[in-house]
C-alpha atoms as a PDB file:
ATOM      1  CA  MET A   1     150.754 119.283  89.832  1.00  0.00           C
ATOM      2  CA  VAL A   2     148.048 120.901  91.322  1.00  0.00           C
ATOM      3  CA  GLN A   3     150.146 121.676  95.037  1.00  0.00           C
ATOM      4  CA  LYS A   4     152.114 123.558  92.138  1.00  0.00           C
ATOM      5  CA  ARG A   5     149.200 124.732  90.395  1.00  0.00           C
ATOM      6  CA  ASN A   6     148.020 126.736  93.712  1.00  0.00           C
ATOM      7  CA  GLU A   7     151.463 127.946  94.712  1.00  0.00           C
ATOM      8  CA  THR A   8     151.415 129.477  91.137  1.00  0.00           C
ATOM      9  CA  ALA A   9     147.568 130.914  91.556  1.00  0.00           C
ATOM     10  CA  GLU A  10     149.040 132.192  94.912  1.00  0.00           C
ATOM     11  CA  GLU A  11     151.707 133.603  93.863  1.00  0.00           C
ATOM     12  CA  ILE A  12     149.562 135.410  90.980  1.00  0.00           C
ATOM     13  CA  VAL A  13     147.085 136.760  93.478  1.00  0.00           C
ATOM     14  CA  GLU A  14     149.794 138.210  95.399  1.00  0.00           C
ATOM     15  CA  SER A  15     151.585 139.676  93.052  1.00  0.00           C
ATOM     16  CA  ILE A  16     148.447 142.031  91.687  1.00  0.00           C
ATOM     17  CA  SER A  17     149.391 145.656  93.578  1.00  0.00           C
ATOM     18  CA  VAL A  18     145.737 146.810  93.631  1.00  0.00           C
ATOM     19  CA  ASN A  19     146.708 148.395  97.435  1.00  0.00           C
ATOM     20  CA  SER A  20     149.351 150.152  95.809  1.00  0.00           C
ATOM     21  CA  PHE A  21     147.421 151.655  92.844  1.00  0.00           C
ATOM     22  CA  ILE A  22     143.956 152.343  94.940  1.00  0.00           C
ATOM     23  CA  LYS A  23     146.669 154.185  97.378  1.00  0.00           C
ATOM     24  CA  THR A  24     148.112 156.376  94.976  1.00  0.00           C
ATOM     25  CA  PHE A  25     144.391 156.930  93.538  1.00  0.00           C
ATOM     26  CA  TRP A  26     143.405 158.430  96.964  1.00  0.00           C
ATOM     27  CA  ASN A  27     146.586 160.357  97.828  1.00  0.00           C
ATOM     28  CA  GLN A  28     146.594 162.151  94.443  1.00  0.00           C
ATOM     29  CA  PHE A  29     142.460 162.948  95.023  1.00  0.00           C
ATOM     30  CA  GLU A  30     143.643 164.546  98.324  1.00  0.00           C
ATOM     31  CA  GLN A  31     146.850 166.501  97.045  1.00  0.00           C
ATOM     32  CA  SER A  32     144.434 167.775  94.053  1.00  0.00           C
ATOM     33  CA  SER A  33     141.885 168.738  96.481  1.00  0.00           C
ATOM     34  CA  GLU A  34     144.542 170.564  98.617  1.00  0.00           C
ATOM     35  CA  HIS A  35     145.760 172.260  95.384  1.00  0.00           C
ATOM     36  CA  VAL A  36     141.964 173.360  94.583  1.00  0.00           C
ATOM     37  CA  ARG A  37     141.970 174.458  98.118  1.00  0.00           C
ATOM     38  CA  GLN A  38     145.002 176.442  97.947  1.00  0.00           C
ATOM     39  CA  LEU A  39     144.309 178.054  94.680  1.00  0.00           C
ATOM     40  CA  SER A  40     141.215 179.248  96.230  1.00  0.00           C
ATOM     41  CA  GLU A  41     142.503 181.009  99.345  1.00  0.00           C
ATOM     42  CA  ASP A  42     144.855 182.371  97.083  1.00  0.00           C
ATOM     43  CA  ARG A  43     142.816 184.309  94.549  1.00  0.00           C
ATOM     44  CA  GLU A  44     140.195 185.092  97.819  1.00  0.00           C
ATOM     45  CA  ASN A  45     143.705 186.941  99.364  1.00  0.00           C
ATOM     46  CA  ALA A  46     144.297 188.607  95.871  1.00  0.00           C
ATOM     47  CA  TYR A  47     140.747 189.515  95.430  1.00  0.00           C
ATOM     48  CA  PHE A  48     140.749 191.499  99.078  1.00  0.00           C
ATOM     49  CA  ASN A  49     144.166 192.740  98.252  1.00  0.00           C
ATOM     50  CA  ALA A  50     142.829 194.390  94.948  1.00  0.00           C
ATOM     51  CA  VAL A  51     139.778 195.529  96.924  1.00  0.00           C
ATOM     52  CA  ARG A  52     142.240 197.775  99.070  1.00  0.00           C
ATOM     53  CA  GLU A  53     144.323 198.733  96.537  1.00  0.00           C
ATOM     54  CA  VAL A  54     141.599 200.135  94.804  1.00  0.00           C
ATOM     55  CA  ILE A  55     140.002 201.568  97.575  1.00  0.00           C
ATOM     56  CA  LYS A  56     143.724 203.278  99.227  1.00  0.00           C
ATOM     57  CA  PHE A  57     144.407 204.188  95.470  1.00  0.00           C
ATOM     58  CA  ASN A  58     140.515 206.162  95.552  1.00  0.00           C
ATOM     59  CA  LYS A  59     141.547 207.975  99.076  1.00  0.00           C
ATOM     60  CA  GLN A  60     144.689 209.284  97.394  1.00  0.00           C
ATOM     61  CA  TYR A  61     143.023 210.703  94.562  1.00  0.00           C
ATOM     62  CA  ARG A  62     140.607 212.515  96.611  1.00  0.00           C
ATOM     63  CA  ASN A  63     143.225 213.716  99.152  1.00  0.00           C
ATOM     64  CA  SER A  64     145.073 214.997  95.524  1.00  0.00           C
ATOM     65  CA  LEU A  65     141.706 216.399  94.950  1.00  0.00           C
ATOM     66  CA  THR A  66     141.408 218.167  98.183  1.00  0.00           C
ATOM     67  CA  ALA A  67     144.819 219.334  98.201  1.00  0.00           C
ATOM     68  CA  LEU A  68     144.802 220.460  94.832  1.00  0.00           C
ATOM     69  CA  TYR A  69     141.741 222.453  95.727  1.00  0.00           C
ATOM     70  CA  GLU A  70     143.644 224.495  98.651  1.00  0.00           C
ATOM     71  CA  GLN A  71     146.170 225.241  96.329  1.00  0.00           C
ATOM     72  CA  THR A  72     144.286 227.114  94.455  1.00  0.00           C
ATOM     73  CA  LYS A  73     142.426 228.990  97.226  1.00  0.00           C
ATOM     74  CA  ARG A  74     145.954 229.587  98.176  1.00  0.00           C
ATOM     75  CA  THR A  75     147.011 231.281  94.915  1.00  0.00           C
ATOM     76  CA  ASN A  76     143.370 232.687  94.822  1.00  0.00           C
ATOM     77  CA  LYS A  77     143.698 234.959  97.590  1.00  0.00           C
ATOM     78  CA  ASP A  78     147.359 235.465  97.163  1.00  0.00           C
ATOM     79  CA  VAL A  79     146.260 236.667  93.790  1.00  0.00           C
ATOM     80  CA  VAL A  80     143.301 239.042  95.405  1.00  0.00           C
ATOM     81  CA  THR A  81     145.644 240.322  97.894  1.00  0.00           C
ATOM     82  CA  GLU A  82     148.196 241.856  95.341  1.00  0.00           C
ATOM     83  CA  VAL A  83     145.091 243.173  93.230  1.00  0.00           C
ATOM     84  CA  MET A  84     143.610 245.028  95.859  1.00  0.00           C
ATOM     85  CA  ASN A  85     147.363 246.297  97.178  1.00  0.00           C
ATOM     86  CA  GLN A  86     147.861 247.337  93.532  1.00  0.00           C
ATOM     87  CA  ILE A  87     144.319 249.169  93.827  1.00  0.00           C
ATOM     88  CA  ASN A  88     145.162 251.258  96.409  1.00  0.00           C
ATOM     89  CA  PRO A  89     145.005 255.252  96.474  1.00  0.00           C
ATOM     90  CA  GLY A  90     147.571 257.445  98.232  1.00  0.00           C
ATOM     91  CA  LYS A  91     148.312 257.261 101.620  1.00  0.00           C
ATOM     92  CA  GLU A  92     146.541 260.403 102.058  1.00  0.00           C
ATOM     93  CA  ILE A  93     143.074 258.859 101.214  1.00  0.00           C
ATOM     94  CA  GLU A  94     144.221 256.006 101.905  1.00  0.00           C
ATOM     95  CA  ASP A  95     143.358 256.246 106.274  1.00  0.00           C
ATOM     96  CA  GLN A  96     140.358 257.965 105.569  1.00  0.00           C
ATOM     97  CA  VAL A  97     138.968 254.793 103.296  1.00  0.00           C
ATOM     98  CA  SER A  98     140.943 252.425 105.458  1.00  0.00           C
ATOM     99  CA  HIS A  99     138.459 251.848 108.020  1.00  0.00           C
ATOM    100  CA  VAL A 100     135.545 251.179 105.541  1.00  0.00           C
ATOM    101  CA  ARG A 101     137.669 248.870 103.394  1.00  0.00           C
ATOM    102  CA  GLU A 102     138.699 247.109 106.442  1.00  0.00           C
ATOM    103  CA  GLU A 103     135.347 246.296 107.192  1.00  0.00           C
ATOM    104  CA  PHE A 104     134.411 245.812 103.902  1.00  0.00           C
ATOM    105  CA  GLU A 105     137.306 243.076 103.518  1.00  0.00           C
ATOM    106  CA  ASN A 106     135.815 241.219 106.093  1.00  0.00           C
ATOM    107  CA  GLN A 107     132.877 241.240 105.576  1.00  0.00           C
ATOM    108  CA  LEU A 108     133.609 240.219 101.133  1.00  0.00           C
ATOM    109  CA  THR A 109     136.000 237.379 103.591  1.00  0.00           C
ATOM    110  CA  GLU A 110     133.301 236.198 105.295  1.00  0.00           C
ATOM    111  CA  VAL A 111     130.488 235.877 102.576  1.00  0.00           C
ATOM    112  CA  THR A 112     133.759 234.582 100.557  1.00  0.00           C
ATOM    113  CA  GLY A 113     133.804 232.304 103.583  1.00  0.00           C
ATOM    114  CA  GLN A 114     130.088 231.087 103.980  1.00  0.00           C
ATOM    115  CA  LEU A 115     129.685 230.691  99.579  1.00  0.00           C
ATOM    116  CA  GLU A 116     132.646 228.496  99.767  1.00  0.00           C
ATOM    117  CA  LYS A 117     131.023 226.383 102.480  1.00  0.00           C
ATOM    118  CA  LEU A 118     127.937 226.076 100.581  1.00  0.00           C
ATOM    119  CA  ALA A 119     129.789 225.559  96.943  1.00  0.00           C
ATOM    120  CA  LEU A 120     131.906 222.184  99.154  1.00  0.00           C
ATOM    121  CA  THR A 121     128.801 220.891 101.103  1.00  0.00           C
ATOM    122  CA  PRO A 122     127.648 218.842  98.378  1.00  0.00           C
ATOM    123  CA  VAL A 123     131.147 217.679  97.457  1.00  0.00           C
ATOM    124  CA  ARG A 124     132.444 217.183 100.673  1.00  0.00           C
ATOM    125  CA  SER A 125     128.472 214.865 101.064  1.00  0.00           C
ATOM    126  CA  PHE A 126     129.970 213.069  98.273  1.00  0.00           C
ATOM    127  CA  PHE A 127     133.478 212.436  99.603  1.00  0.00           C
ATOM    128  CA  GLN A 128     131.685 211.137 102.599  1.00  0.00           C
ATOM    129  CA  ILE A 129     129.250 208.519 101.317  1.00  0.00           C
ATOM    130  CA  ILE A 130     132.274 207.367  98.855  1.00  0.00           C
ATOM    131  CA  ASP A 131     134.230 206.504 102.135  1.00  0.00           C
ATOM    132  CA  GLN A 132     131.329 204.289 103.610  1.00  0.00           C
ATOM    133  CA  LEU A 133     130.489 202.887 100.690  1.00  0.00           C
ATOM    134  CA  GLU A 134     133.911 202.074 100.192  1.00  0.00           C
ATOM    135  CA  ASP A 135     135.012 201.156 104.084  1.00  0.00           C
ATOM    136  CA  SER A 136     131.748 198.976 103.434  1.00  0.00           C
ATOM    137  CA  LEU A 137     132.969 197.217 100.427  1.00  0.00           C
ATOM    138  CA  GLU A 138     135.778 196.637 102.521  1.00  0.00           C
ATOM    139  CA  LYS A 139     134.426 194.951 105.117  1.00  0.00           C
ATOM    140  CA  ASN A 140     131.875 193.049 103.452  1.00  0.00           C
ATOM    141  CA  ALA A 141     134.474 191.312 101.122  1.00  0.00           C
ATOM    142  CA  GLU A 142     136.642 190.001 104.446  1.00  0.00           C
ATOM    143  CA  SER A 143     133.250 188.745 105.990  1.00  0.00           C
ATOM    144  CA  GLY A 144     132.574 187.329 102.437  1.00  0.00           C
ATOM    145  CA  ILE A 145     135.983 185.833 102.231  1.00  0.00           C
ATOM    146  CA  THR A 146     135.702 184.436 106.068  1.00  0.00           C
ATOM    147  CA  TYR A 147     132.575 182.866 106.081  1.00  0.00           C
ATOM    148  CA  ASN A 148     133.668 181.106 102.874  1.00  0.00           C
ATOM    149  CA  ARG A 149     136.752 179.963 104.554  1.00  0.00           C
ATOM    150  CA  GLU A 150     134.826 178.534 107.154  1.00  0.00           C
ATOM    151  CA  SER A 151     132.309 176.681 105.098  1.00  0.00           C
ATOM    152  CA  ARG A 152     135.521 175.418 102.954  1.00  0.00           C
ATOM    153  CA  ASN A 153     136.925 174.086 106.257  1.00  0.00           C
ATOM    154  CA  ALA A 154     133.480 172.259 107.295  1.00  0.00           C
ATOM    155  CA  TRP A 155     133.347 170.910 104.760  1.00  0.00           C
ATOM    156  CA  LEU A 156     136.926 169.618 104.699  1.00  0.00           C
ATOM    157  CA  GLU A 157     136.579 167.468 107.334  1.00  0.00           C
ATOM    158  CA  VAL A 158     133.462 165.853 106.085  1.00  0.00           C
ATOM    159  CA  ARG A 159     135.665 165.018 102.618  1.00  0.00           C
ATOM    160  CA  LYS A 160     138.432 163.873 104.437  1.00  0.00           C
ATOM    161  CA  GLU A 161     136.520 161.667 106.628  1.00  0.00           C
ATOM    162  CA  TYR A 162     134.578 160.535 103.171  1.00  0.00           C
ATOM    163  CA  VAL A 163     137.935 160.154 101.817  1.00  0.00           C
ATOM    164  CA  ARG A 164     139.470 158.030 104.488  1.00  0.00           C
ATOM    165  CA  ASN A 165     136.425 155.578 104.459  1.00  0.00           C
ATOM    166  CA  ALA A 166     136.380 155.368 100.476  1.00  0.00           C
ATOM    167  CA  ARG A 167     140.197 154.365 100.910  1.00  0.00           C
ATOM    168  CA  ASP A 168     139.222 151.379 103.131  1.00  0.00           C
ATOM    169  CA  THR A 169     136.343 150.233 101.753  1.00  0.00           C
ATOM    170  CA  GLN A 170     138.158 149.872  98.991  1.00  0.00           C
ATOM    171  CA  LEU A 171     141.312 148.267 100.566  1.00  0.00           C
ATOM    172  CA  ASP A 172     138.779 146.313 101.926  1.00  0.00           C
ATOM    173  CA  LEU A 173     137.472 144.931  98.908  1.00  0.00           C
ATOM    174  CA  VAL A 174     140.447 144.305  97.050  1.00  0.00           C
ATOM    175  CA  GLU A 175     141.681 142.446 100.189  1.00  0.00           C
ATOM    176  CA  ARG A 176     138.341 140.268 100.172  1.00  0.00           C
ATOM    177  CA  SER A 177     138.604 139.979  96.601  1.00  0.00           C
ATOM    178  CA  LYS A 178     141.963 138.456  96.684  1.00  0.00           C
ATOM    179  CA  ASN A 179     141.044 136.396  99.441  1.00  0.00           C
ATOM    180  CA  SER A 180     138.162 134.751  97.491  1.00  0.00           C
ATOM    181  CA  LEU A 181     140.592 134.315  94.426  1.00  0.00           C
ATOM    182  CA  LYS A 182     142.725 132.229  96.403  1.00  0.00           C
ATOM    183  CA  GLU A 183     140.215 130.252  97.893  1.00  0.00           C
ATOM    184  CA  LEU A 184     138.341 129.666  94.494  1.00  0.00           C
ATOM    185  CA  VAL A 185     142.228 128.276  92.887  1.00  0.00           C
ATOM    186  CA  LYS A 186     142.359 126.155  95.933  1.00  0.00           C
ATOM    187  CA  THR A 187     138.861 124.383  95.207  1.00  0.00           C
ATOM    188  CA  ARG A 188     139.761 123.766  92.051  1.00  0.00           C
END
């Protein structure tokens, strides 16, 4: 009877599947940690792509403003040329005035060019500052993401070692508990 009782107790102790529970628990923990890491990387990639897209859009917008300005400038020049051609007096007076007119037009063109440069200087400076800020933003975002990933990868090795040690310790504890329970059952 005592023999049968010992066998039954040992069977009960062996039937407890605590090891599989512990392994499943730590496997799920590792899977969850990997999932969180992947989500973080995806979020960082999405952020960096959004920064790049905003910068790209801003550059295209500034380029379109510049193109619009250039188109307006050409149109105004064409209008001025057309008006000047319509104002022209007859042929005989034109010969006398042509020299004075050419000189006046050259001076007017030079003054207009200088005024245009003067007027555009703040706009060009602003565009350059914005370009520098955007480049700086992109570099900072990239370096921040790189730093976060390096830091996370460094801690990843520590976490993996911790999980491995915790799993081994729990499995060892369960095995010792089983052995102690077996010995306790045998002594009764």
